[in-house]
Amino acid sequence: MRTKKRLWLTGGILFFVILSNFFLPVRWIVAFILPQKQQESISGIWLYTTEHGEFQRGQEGLIVFSSSYERVTTGFDEYVKCHPTTPDKVLYRTFKLEPWQFWNWINYFIDPRWTYPYKDPGVIKAKLLTPPPSICPNYRSGPISY
């Protein structure tokens, strides 16, 4: 009898974990239950930067509906194309992968944002004294944009 209860409890927890990864309303319930700091893992702003911070962009929105990832990647591709002499040719994510956040497990495997290397925002090097010259006449660089 006791093992039957454990099986039901384990099965229920496993079912909830699976639902929280695949079923949007359950993700919202998880977000409602979580403390404010952890809610950012479901809906928040994810920042990307280069080593010297010459290129910085943010991605916002709910993970499931977010479409600004393409804007970040195309912006970085444009930055590298317009600044061929820049030493900043690697894009980093400034948000950590937290394995205990079971509601994000599916995203860790299928979402391309997790393929970028992690860089702690506190160790980003100082901006270059002379920014790399741009070969694009209308290229605008600026602060973090969302």
N, C-alpha and C. Protein backbone atom coordinates (compact mmCIF):
# COMPACT_ATOMS: atom_id res chain seq x y z
N MET A 1 0.82 -1.20 0.00
CA MET A 1 0.00 0.00 0.00
C MET A 1 0.86 1.26 0.00
N ARG A 2 1.92 1.21 0.78
CA ARG A 2 2.80 2.38 0.89
C ARG A 2 3.53 2.65 -0.43
N THR A 3 3.97 1.59 -1.11
CA THR A 3 4.67 1.77 -2.38
C THR A 3 3.72 2.28 -3.45
N LYS A 4 2.45 1.93 -3.34
CA LYS A 4 1.46 2.42 -4.30
C LYS A 4 1.30 3.94 -4.17
N LYS A 5 1.30 4.43 -2.93
CA LYS A 5 1.22 5.88 -2.71
C LYS A 5 2.45 6.59 -3.25
N ARG A 6 3.61 5.98 -3.05
CA ARG A 6 4.85 6.58 -3.57
C ARG A 6 4.83 6.62 -5.09
N LEU A 7 4.35 5.55 -5.71
CA LEU A 7 4.26 5.53 -7.17
C LEU A 7 3.31 6.62 -7.67
N TRP A 8 2.18 6.79 -7.02
CA TRP A 8 1.23 7.84 -7.42
C TRP A 8 1.84 9.22 -7.23
N LEU A 9 2.52 9.42 -6.10
CA LEU A 9 3.16 10.72 -5.84
C LEU A 9 4.26 10.99 -6.85
N THR A 10 5.11 10.00 -7.12
CA THR A 10 6.17 10.16 -8.11
C THR A 10 5.60 10.41 -9.49
N GLY A 11 4.57 9.65 -9.85
CA GLY A 11 3.93 9.84 -11.15
C GLY A 11 3.28 11.22 -11.26
N GLY A 12 2.66 11.69 -10.18
CA GLY A 12 2.04 13.02 -10.20
C GLY A 12 3.06 14.13 -10.35
N ILE A 13 4.18 13.99 -9.64
CA ILE A 13 5.24 15.00 -9.75
C ILE A 13 5.83 14.98 -11.15
N LEU A 14 6.09 13.80 -11.68
CA LEU A 14 6.64 13.69 -13.04
C LEU A 14 5.67 14.26 -14.07
N PHE A 15 4.38 14.00 -13.89
CA PHE A 15 3.37 14.54 -14.80
C PHE A 15 3.34 16.06 -14.73
N PHE A 16 3.45 16.63 -13.52
CA PHE A 16 3.47 18.09 -13.36
C PHE A 16 4.71 18.70 -14.02
N VAL A 17 5.85 18.06 -13.87
CA VAL A 17 7.08 18.55 -14.50
C VAL A 17 6.94 18.54 -16.02
N ILE A 18 6.40 17.47 -16.55
CA ILE A 18 6.21 17.39 -18.00
C ILE A 18 5.22 18.45 -18.47
N LEU A 19 4.11 18.61 -17.75
CA LEU A 19 3.12 19.63 -18.12
C LEU A 19 3.72 21.04 -18.05
N SER A 20 4.55 21.29 -17.05
CA SER A 20 5.13 22.63 -16.90
C SER A 20 6.10 22.97 -18.02
N ASN A 21 6.59 21.97 -18.72
CA ASN A 21 7.50 22.20 -19.84
C ASN A 21 6.77 22.32 -21.17
N PHE A 22 5.61 21.70 -21.30
CA PHE A 22 4.94 21.64 -22.59
C PHE A 22 3.60 22.38 -22.65
N PHE A 23 2.99 22.65 -21.53
CA PHE A 23 1.64 23.21 -21.52
C PHE A 23 1.67 24.60 -20.91
N LEU A 24 1.41 25.60 -21.73
CA LEU A 24 1.56 27.00 -21.33
C LEU A 24 0.77 27.39 -20.08
N PRO A 25 -0.48 27.01 -19.91
CA PRO A 25 -1.19 27.40 -18.68
C PRO A 25 -0.51 26.90 -17.41
N VAL A 26 0.10 25.73 -17.46
CA VAL A 26 0.80 25.22 -16.28
C VAL A 26 2.05 26.05 -16.03
N ARG A 27 2.72 26.50 -17.09
CA ARG A 27 3.88 27.40 -16.91
C ARG A 27 3.46 28.68 -16.22
N TRP A 28 2.29 29.20 -16.55
CA TRP A 28 1.79 30.41 -15.90
C TRP A 28 1.49 30.15 -14.42
N ILE A 29 0.97 28.98 -14.11
CA ILE A 29 0.71 28.63 -12.71
C ILE A 29 2.03 28.57 -11.95
N VAL A 30 3.03 27.95 -12.56
CA VAL A 30 4.35 27.88 -11.93
C VAL A 30 4.88 29.29 -11.71
N ALA A 31 4.72 30.17 -12.69
CA ALA A 31 5.19 31.55 -12.56
C ALA A 31 4.45 32.28 -11.45
N PHE A 32 3.18 31.99 -11.29
CA PHE A 32 2.40 32.64 -10.24
C PHE A 32 2.84 32.18 -8.85
N ILE A 33 3.22 30.92 -8.74
CA ILE A 33 3.63 30.35 -7.45
C ILE A 33 5.04 30.78 -7.06
N LEU A 34 5.90 30.99 -8.05
CA LEU A 34 7.31 31.29 -7.79
C LEU A 34 7.52 32.67 -7.17
N PRO A 35 8.60 32.84 -6.42
CA PRO A 35 8.96 34.19 -5.97
C PRO A 35 9.34 35.07 -7.16
N GLN A 36 9.31 36.36 -6.97
CA GLN A 36 9.53 37.33 -8.05
C GLN A 36 10.83 37.07 -8.80
N LYS A 37 11.91 36.79 -8.11
CA LYS A 37 13.21 36.58 -8.75
C LYS A 37 13.17 35.40 -9.72
N GLN A 38 12.46 34.33 -9.35
CA GLN A 38 12.40 33.14 -10.20
C GLN A 38 11.42 33.30 -11.35
N GLN A 39 10.47 34.20 -11.24
CA GLN A 39 9.51 34.43 -12.31
C GLN A 39 10.20 34.94 -13.56
N GLU A 40 11.34 35.60 -13.40
CA GLU A 40 12.08 36.13 -14.54
C GLU A 40 12.57 35.02 -15.47
N SER A 41 12.64 33.79 -14.96
CA SER A 41 13.07 32.69 -15.81
C SER A 41 11.99 32.31 -16.82
N ILE A 42 10.75 32.70 -16.57
CA ILE A 42 9.66 32.40 -17.49
C ILE A 42 9.35 33.61 -18.36
N SER A 43 9.22 34.74 -17.75
CA SER A 43 9.00 35.96 -18.54
C SER A 43 9.94 37.01 -17.98
N GLY A 44 10.82 37.48 -18.78
CA GLY A 44 11.81 38.44 -18.30
C GLY A 44 12.60 38.98 -19.46
N ILE A 45 13.74 39.53 -19.15
CA ILE A 45 14.61 40.10 -20.17
C ILE A 45 15.93 39.33 -20.11
N TRP A 46 16.33 38.82 -21.26
CA TRP A 46 17.58 38.08 -21.36
C TRP A 46 18.56 38.92 -22.15
N LEU A 47 19.71 39.18 -21.57
CA LEU A 47 20.69 40.07 -22.18
C LEU A 47 21.83 39.28 -22.81
N TYR A 48 22.28 39.79 -23.95
CA TYR A 48 23.40 39.23 -24.69
C TYR A 48 24.45 40.32 -24.85
N THR A 49 25.71 39.94 -24.84
CA THR A 49 26.78 40.92 -24.97
C THR A 49 28.00 40.28 -25.62
N THR A 50 28.91 41.13 -26.04
CA THR A 50 30.21 40.66 -26.51
C THR A 50 31.21 40.84 -25.37
N GLU A 51 32.43 40.42 -25.58
CA GLU A 51 33.42 40.44 -24.49
C GLU A 51 33.67 41.83 -23.94
N HIS A 52 33.72 42.82 -24.81
CA HIS A 52 33.97 44.20 -24.36
C HIS A 52 32.68 45.01 -24.26
N GLY A 53 31.56 44.40 -24.50
CA GLY A 53 30.28 45.11 -24.42
C GLY A 53 30.06 46.08 -25.56
N GLU A 54 30.79 45.93 -26.65
CA GLU A 54 30.59 46.82 -27.81
C GLU A 54 29.23 46.56 -28.45
N PHE A 55 28.76 45.33 -28.37
CA PHE A 55 27.42 44.99 -28.86
C PHE A 55 26.65 44.40 -27.70
N GLN A 56 25.52 45.00 -27.37
CA GLN A 56 24.65 44.49 -26.31
C GLN A 56 23.21 44.60 -26.78
N ARG A 57 22.50 43.53 -26.61
CA ARG A 57 21.07 43.53 -26.95
C ARG A 57 20.33 42.70 -25.93
N GLY A 58 19.05 42.96 -25.85
CA GLY A 58 18.20 42.22 -24.93
C GLY A 58 17.07 41.54 -25.67
N GLN A 59 16.63 40.46 -25.10
CA GLN A 59 15.48 39.73 -25.63
C GLN A 59 14.44 39.73 -24.53
N GLU A 60 13.22 40.04 -24.86
CA GLU A 60 12.19 40.09 -23.83
C GLU A 60 11.00 39.26 -24.21
N GLY A 61 10.19 38.99 -23.24
CA GLY A 61 8.95 38.29 -23.51
C GLY A 61 8.93 36.91 -22.92
N LEU A 62 7.77 36.32 -22.98
CA LEU A 62 7.59 34.96 -22.50
C LEU A 62 8.37 34.01 -23.40
N ILE A 63 9.05 33.06 -22.81
CA ILE A 63 9.89 32.14 -23.57
C ILE A 63 9.12 31.51 -24.72
N VAL A 64 7.89 31.13 -24.49
CA VAL A 64 7.13 30.42 -25.50
C VAL A 64 6.79 31.32 -26.68
N PHE A 65 6.48 32.59 -26.41
CA PHE A 65 6.05 33.50 -27.46
C PHE A 65 7.15 34.44 -27.96
N SER A 66 8.31 34.38 -27.37
CA SER A 66 9.34 35.36 -27.68
C SER A 66 9.78 35.25 -29.14
N SER A 67 9.80 36.38 -29.83
CA SER A 67 10.27 36.39 -31.21
C SER A 67 11.43 37.36 -31.38
N SER A 68 11.91 37.95 -30.30
CA SER A 68 12.98 38.92 -30.43
C SER A 68 14.36 38.26 -30.49
N TYR A 69 14.43 36.95 -30.36
CA TYR A 69 15.71 36.25 -30.47
C TYR A 69 16.32 36.49 -31.85
N GLU A 70 15.47 36.45 -32.87
CA GLU A 70 15.96 36.69 -34.23
C GLU A 70 16.52 38.10 -34.37
N ARG A 71 15.92 39.06 -33.68
CA ARG A 71 16.43 40.43 -33.73
C ARG A 71 17.82 40.52 -33.11
N VAL A 72 18.04 39.78 -32.06
CA VAL A 72 19.37 39.77 -31.43
C VAL A 72 20.39 39.16 -32.37
N THR A 73 20.08 38.02 -32.95
CA THR A 73 21.06 37.35 -33.81
C THR A 73 21.32 38.12 -35.10
N THR A 74 20.27 38.67 -35.71
CA THR A 74 20.51 39.46 -36.93
C THR A 74 21.26 40.74 -36.61
N GLY A 75 20.98 41.34 -35.45
CA GLY A 75 21.72 42.53 -35.04
C GLY A 75 23.19 42.23 -34.83
N PHE A 76 23.49 41.08 -34.23
CA PHE A 76 24.88 40.71 -34.02
C PHE A 76 25.57 40.41 -35.35
N ASP A 77 24.88 39.71 -36.23
CA ASP A 77 25.46 39.43 -37.55
C ASP A 77 25.76 40.73 -38.29
N GLU A 78 24.86 41.71 -38.18
CA GLU A 78 25.07 43.01 -38.82
C GLU A 78 26.24 43.75 -38.18
N TYR A 79 26.36 43.65 -36.85
CA TYR A 79 27.47 44.29 -36.14
C TYR A 79 28.81 43.72 -36.62
N VAL A 80 28.91 42.40 -36.71
CA VAL A 80 30.16 41.77 -37.15
C VAL A 80 30.46 42.13 -38.60
N LYS A 81 29.42 42.17 -39.42
CA LYS A 81 29.61 42.51 -40.84
C LYS A 81 30.08 43.96 -40.98
N CYS A 82 29.54 44.87 -40.20
CA CYS A 82 29.88 46.28 -40.31
C CYS A 82 31.19 46.62 -39.60
N HIS A 83 31.63 45.77 -38.68
CA HIS A 83 32.88 46.00 -37.95
C HIS A 83 33.80 44.79 -38.11
N PRO A 84 34.37 44.60 -39.29
CA PRO A 84 35.17 43.39 -39.53
C PRO A 84 36.45 43.33 -38.69
N THR A 85 36.92 44.45 -38.17
CA THR A 85 38.17 44.44 -37.40
C THR A 85 37.92 44.33 -35.90
N THR A 86 36.69 44.18 -35.48
CA THR A 86 36.40 44.13 -34.04
C THR A 86 36.92 42.83 -33.42
N PRO A 87 37.45 42.92 -32.19
CA PRO A 87 37.85 41.69 -31.51
C PRO A 87 36.65 40.97 -30.90
N ASP A 88 35.50 41.65 -30.86
CA ASP A 88 34.29 41.08 -30.28
C ASP A 88 33.49 40.32 -31.33
N LYS A 89 33.88 39.08 -31.58
CA LYS A 89 33.19 38.29 -32.59
C LYS A 89 32.42 37.12 -31.99
N VAL A 90 32.34 37.09 -30.67
CA VAL A 90 31.60 36.03 -29.98
C VAL A 90 30.49 36.68 -29.16
N LEU A 91 29.29 36.16 -29.31
CA LEU A 91 28.15 36.65 -28.55
C LEU A 91 27.96 35.77 -27.33
N TYR A 92 27.79 36.40 -26.16
CA TYR A 92 27.61 35.68 -24.91
C TYR A 92 26.22 35.95 -24.35
N ARG A 93 25.69 34.99 -23.61
CA ARG A 93 24.47 35.24 -22.85
C ARG A 93 24.88 35.61 -21.44
N THR A 94 24.13 36.50 -20.80
CA THR A 94 24.46 36.93 -19.44
C THR A 94 23.48 36.34 -18.43
N PHE A 95 22.75 35.34 -18.81
CA PHE A 95 21.80 34.68 -17.91
C PHE A 95 22.22 33.23 -17.77
N LYS A 96 22.11 32.73 -16.54
CA LYS A 96 22.61 31.39 -16.23
C LYS A 96 21.59 30.31 -16.55
N LEU A 97 22.10 29.15 -16.84
CA LEU A 97 21.29 27.95 -16.95
C LEU A 97 21.17 27.39 -15.54
N GLU A 98 19.96 27.27 -15.06
CA GLU A 98 19.71 26.79 -13.70
C GLU A 98 19.03 25.42 -13.79
N PRO A 99 19.76 24.32 -13.60
CA PRO A 99 19.17 22.99 -13.78
C PRO A 99 18.01 22.69 -12.84
N TRP A 100 17.95 23.32 -11.68
CA TRP A 100 16.86 23.06 -10.74
C TRP A 100 15.54 23.68 -11.19
N GLN A 101 15.57 24.55 -12.21
CA GLN A 101 14.33 25.14 -12.72
C GLN A 101 13.69 24.16 -13.70
N PHE A 102 12.95 23.21 -13.14
CA PHE A 102 12.39 22.12 -13.94
C PHE A 102 11.45 22.61 -15.04
N TRP A 103 10.85 23.76 -14.89
CA TRP A 103 9.93 24.29 -15.89
C TRP A 103 10.66 24.77 -17.15
N ASN A 104 11.97 24.87 -17.10
CA ASN A 104 12.76 25.30 -18.26
C ASN A 104 13.52 24.16 -18.93
N TRP A 105 13.38 22.96 -18.46
CA TRP A 105 14.18 21.86 -18.99
C TRP A 105 14.02 21.70 -20.49
N ILE A 106 12.83 21.78 -21.01
CA ILE A 106 12.63 21.61 -22.45
C ILE A 106 13.35 22.71 -23.22
N ASN A 107 13.34 23.93 -22.68
CA ASN A 107 14.00 25.05 -23.35
C ASN A 107 15.52 24.89 -23.37
N TYR A 108 16.07 24.26 -22.33
CA TYR A 108 17.52 24.05 -22.31
C TYR A 108 17.96 23.17 -23.47
N PHE A 109 17.08 22.32 -23.96
CA PHE A 109 17.42 21.40 -25.04
C PHE A 109 17.05 21.90 -26.43
N ILE A 110 15.94 22.66 -26.55
CA ILE A 110 15.49 23.03 -27.88
C ILE A 110 15.68 24.50 -28.23
N ASP A 111 15.86 25.35 -27.24
CA ASP A 111 15.97 26.79 -27.51
C ASP A 111 17.42 27.15 -27.81
N PRO A 112 17.69 27.79 -28.97
CA PRO A 112 19.08 28.07 -29.35
C PRO A 112 19.78 29.09 -28.46
N ARG A 113 19.05 29.84 -27.65
CA ARG A 113 19.70 30.83 -26.79
C ARG A 113 20.65 30.18 -25.79
N TRP A 114 20.41 28.93 -25.45
CA TRP A 114 21.26 28.24 -24.47
C TRP A 114 22.53 27.69 -25.08
N THR A 115 22.70 27.80 -26.39
CA THR A 115 23.94 27.32 -27.02
C THR A 115 25.05 28.36 -26.91
N TYR A 116 24.71 29.60 -26.59
CA TYR A 116 25.74 30.64 -26.46
C TYR A 116 26.50 30.44 -25.15
N PRO A 117 27.79 30.73 -25.15
CA PRO A 117 28.54 30.60 -23.89
C PRO A 117 28.07 31.65 -22.90
N TYR A 118 28.20 31.31 -21.61
CA TYR A 118 27.78 32.22 -20.54
C TYR A 118 28.92 33.13 -20.15
N LYS A 119 28.61 34.40 -19.92
CA LYS A 119 29.59 35.36 -19.38
C LYS A 119 28.90 36.14 -18.27
N ASP A 120 29.52 36.13 -17.11
CA ASP A 120 28.99 36.88 -15.98
C ASP A 120 29.05 38.37 -16.31
N PRO A 121 27.94 39.10 -16.13
CA PRO A 121 27.95 40.53 -16.45
C PRO A 121 29.02 41.31 -15.69
N GLY A 122 29.44 40.81 -14.54
CA GLY A 122 30.45 41.50 -13.75
C GLY A 122 31.85 41.39 -14.30
N VAL A 123 32.09 40.46 -15.22
CA VAL A 123 33.43 40.28 -15.76
C VAL A 123 33.55 40.73 -17.21
N ILE A 124 32.57 41.45 -17.69
CA ILE A 124 32.67 41.99 -19.05
C ILE A 124 33.77 43.04 -19.04
N LYS A 125 34.68 42.94 -19.99
CA LYS A 125 35.81 43.86 -20.04
C LYS A 125 35.33 45.27 -20.38
N ALA A 126 36.19 46.23 -20.10
CA ALA A 126 35.86 47.62 -20.41
C ALA A 126 35.75 47.81 -21.92
N LYS A 127 34.93 48.77 -22.31
CA LYS A 127 34.78 49.04 -23.74
C LYS A 127 36.13 49.43 -24.32
N LEU A 128 36.29 49.18 -25.59
CA LEU A 128 37.54 49.51 -26.26
C LEU A 128 37.74 51.02 -26.28
N LEU A 129 38.98 51.45 -26.12
CA LEU A 129 39.26 52.89 -26.13
C LEU A 129 38.86 53.53 -27.44
N THR A 130 39.19 52.87 -28.53
CA THR A 130 38.75 53.35 -29.83
C THR A 130 37.84 52.27 -30.41
N PRO A 131 36.56 52.57 -30.56
CA PRO A 131 35.65 51.57 -31.10
C PRO A 131 36.07 51.16 -32.51
N PRO A 132 35.80 49.94 -32.88
CA PRO A 132 36.19 49.49 -34.21
C PRO A 132 35.47 50.31 -35.28
N PRO A 133 36.17 50.66 -36.34
CA PRO A 133 35.52 51.47 -37.38
C PRO A 133 34.45 50.66 -38.11
N SER A 134 33.40 51.35 -38.50
CA SER A 134 32.31 50.71 -39.21
C SER A 134 32.46 50.94 -40.71
N ILE A 135 32.24 49.89 -41.48
CA ILE A 135 32.27 50.04 -42.93
C ILE A 135 30.86 50.27 -43.48
N CYS A 136 29.87 50.23 -42.61
CA CYS A 136 28.49 50.48 -43.02
C CYS A 136 28.15 51.94 -42.74
N PRO A 137 27.70 52.68 -43.73
CA PRO A 137 27.47 54.10 -43.54
C PRO A 137 26.35 54.43 -42.55
N ASN A 138 25.33 53.61 -42.47
CA ASN A 138 24.19 53.93 -41.61
C ASN A 138 24.11 53.06 -40.37
N TYR A 139 25.20 52.41 -39.99
CA TYR A 139 25.15 51.53 -38.83
C TYR A 139 25.08 52.36 -37.57
N ARG A 140 24.11 52.02 -36.74
CA ARG A 140 23.96 52.71 -35.45
C ARG A 140 24.22 51.72 -34.34
N SER A 141 25.17 52.03 -33.50
CA SER A 141 25.37 51.21 -32.31
C SER A 141 24.90 52.06 -31.14
N GLY A 142 24.55 51.41 -30.09
CA GLY A 142 24.07 52.18 -28.96
C GLY A 142 23.91 51.31 -27.74
N PRO A 143 23.19 51.81 -26.78
CA PRO A 143 23.01 51.06 -25.54
C PRO A 143 22.14 49.83 -25.78
N ILE A 144 21.92 49.11 -24.72
CA ILE A 144 21.10 47.91 -24.80
C ILE A 144 19.71 48.33 -25.29
N SER A 145 19.22 47.62 -26.29
CA SER A 145 17.89 47.89 -26.77
C SER A 145 17.06 46.62 -26.65
N TYR A 146 15.79 46.81 -26.39
CA TYR A 146 14.91 45.65 -26.20
C TYR A 146 13.94 45.56 -27.34
